[in-house]
Structures are given as structure tokens and as C-alpha cells.
Amino acid sequence: MQWFYPTLTWHKNRKEKSIYLTFDDGPIPVVTSYVLNTLKKFNAKATFFCIGENIDKYPEIYAEVISEGHMVGNHTYNHLKGWNTDNNDYLNNIKKCSELTGSKLFRPPYGRIKKSQISAISEQIPETEIVMWDVLSGDFDQTISTQTCINNVLKNSRNGSIIVFHDSIKAFDRLEHSLPVILDTLNSNGFIFKVL
């Protein structure tokens, strides 16, 4: 995928021993709060790619993400899949979420975005940084085990990696048990957790 979208951000500086944890689809009760508490235990900061609709539904949880020093990004207002969405509708949905987050960071839901949408974003919202990832935890996949989720992250993480987790109900079974193990292991290996 990286070769197909070379202008997007897939990882950060490979020379720094830093990791960039990201959480997609929140904020929601229970799961986002669990993530915040777990991050706090490890003194880790992360970037939350929020769905605008969820920010409107749970403003107090969103405020907690901000107050604890984490970064927020735009994940569209309605979790739209770019491949199935008209470009104007897609852009308007991004702008609607942007009014809530004020963030220059954007991640397309499902990682699905058309090249024409990338062009439209760079023309109409030129300050936007489209952030993808180089490590996918797979926590959203209900067919995999917690251990597989842990292995996905630990085997593939390196300097500058951007890791994707989900603070969603669907991911919680795996996230709840894998996140502390992953944080502890990466921490022990000398990684620093930074925001994008």
C-alpha cells in the first residue's frame, strides 16, 4: 500500500527510538476510558483518531482525552469508507469532524481513500497530514486471539512505527488484554511513546 500512496505518512523518523500509538473510532464509554487509564500507568502518550459523531455523543470522554495530554485526529464524522463515497460528500464529512477536533491530522477509516480524494484534500484543506500506519494490531478482527494481536505489534514495531489500535467495542476483548503487555514490552525495550 505504501508504494501506491507515497505522499501519505506511514511512519516517523526511523533514527529515533520512538513509537506512535494511535487509537481509531472513539471516543466511547468504557473502552476509551480503559485506554486512557492504561496509557497513564505507563506514562505513555497517544494519538486518538476520533469519529465526529462520537465526539458529539460523548463530549466528556473527548475532553478527558485532551486534558490528559493526548493528540487528536480526524477520522471523518460518520466513519465513511472513501472508496464507496462521493468525493464532495467525503470532504464535507471530514470538514464536519474538523470543526470538532481542529486537528490537521486525518486518517481515512479502513485505510480506504481514493487518489482523487487525496488530491481534493490537499487542494481544499492543504494543511492536512494524512496518517496511515506501518503496524496493524488487528484488534478489530474478532477471529484472532489476544496473543496474535500482541505478536502483530511486537514483531513489526521498530523505530518510528505508527501502530493502529481501536478504542471500539468490537476490539475491546483483544485490546483489554494486549495493550498492557505491548506497552510493558515496548517500554522495557527502551521505546518512548510520542504523539504525532
Foldseek 3Di string as FASTA:
>chain_A
DCVVPVQAAAFDDQVALAEAEEAEEDDDPPLLVLVLVLCVVLVFEYEYAYAQCRCVVCVVSVVVNVVSPHHYHHAFNPLDAAVPDDLVVRVVRRVSSCVVRVDLEYEYRVNHHDPVNVVVCCVPVVSHHYHDWFFELCLLPPVDALVSSLCSDPVRDHRGGYYYDYSDPSSCRNCSPRVNVNSVVSVVVPYGHDYD
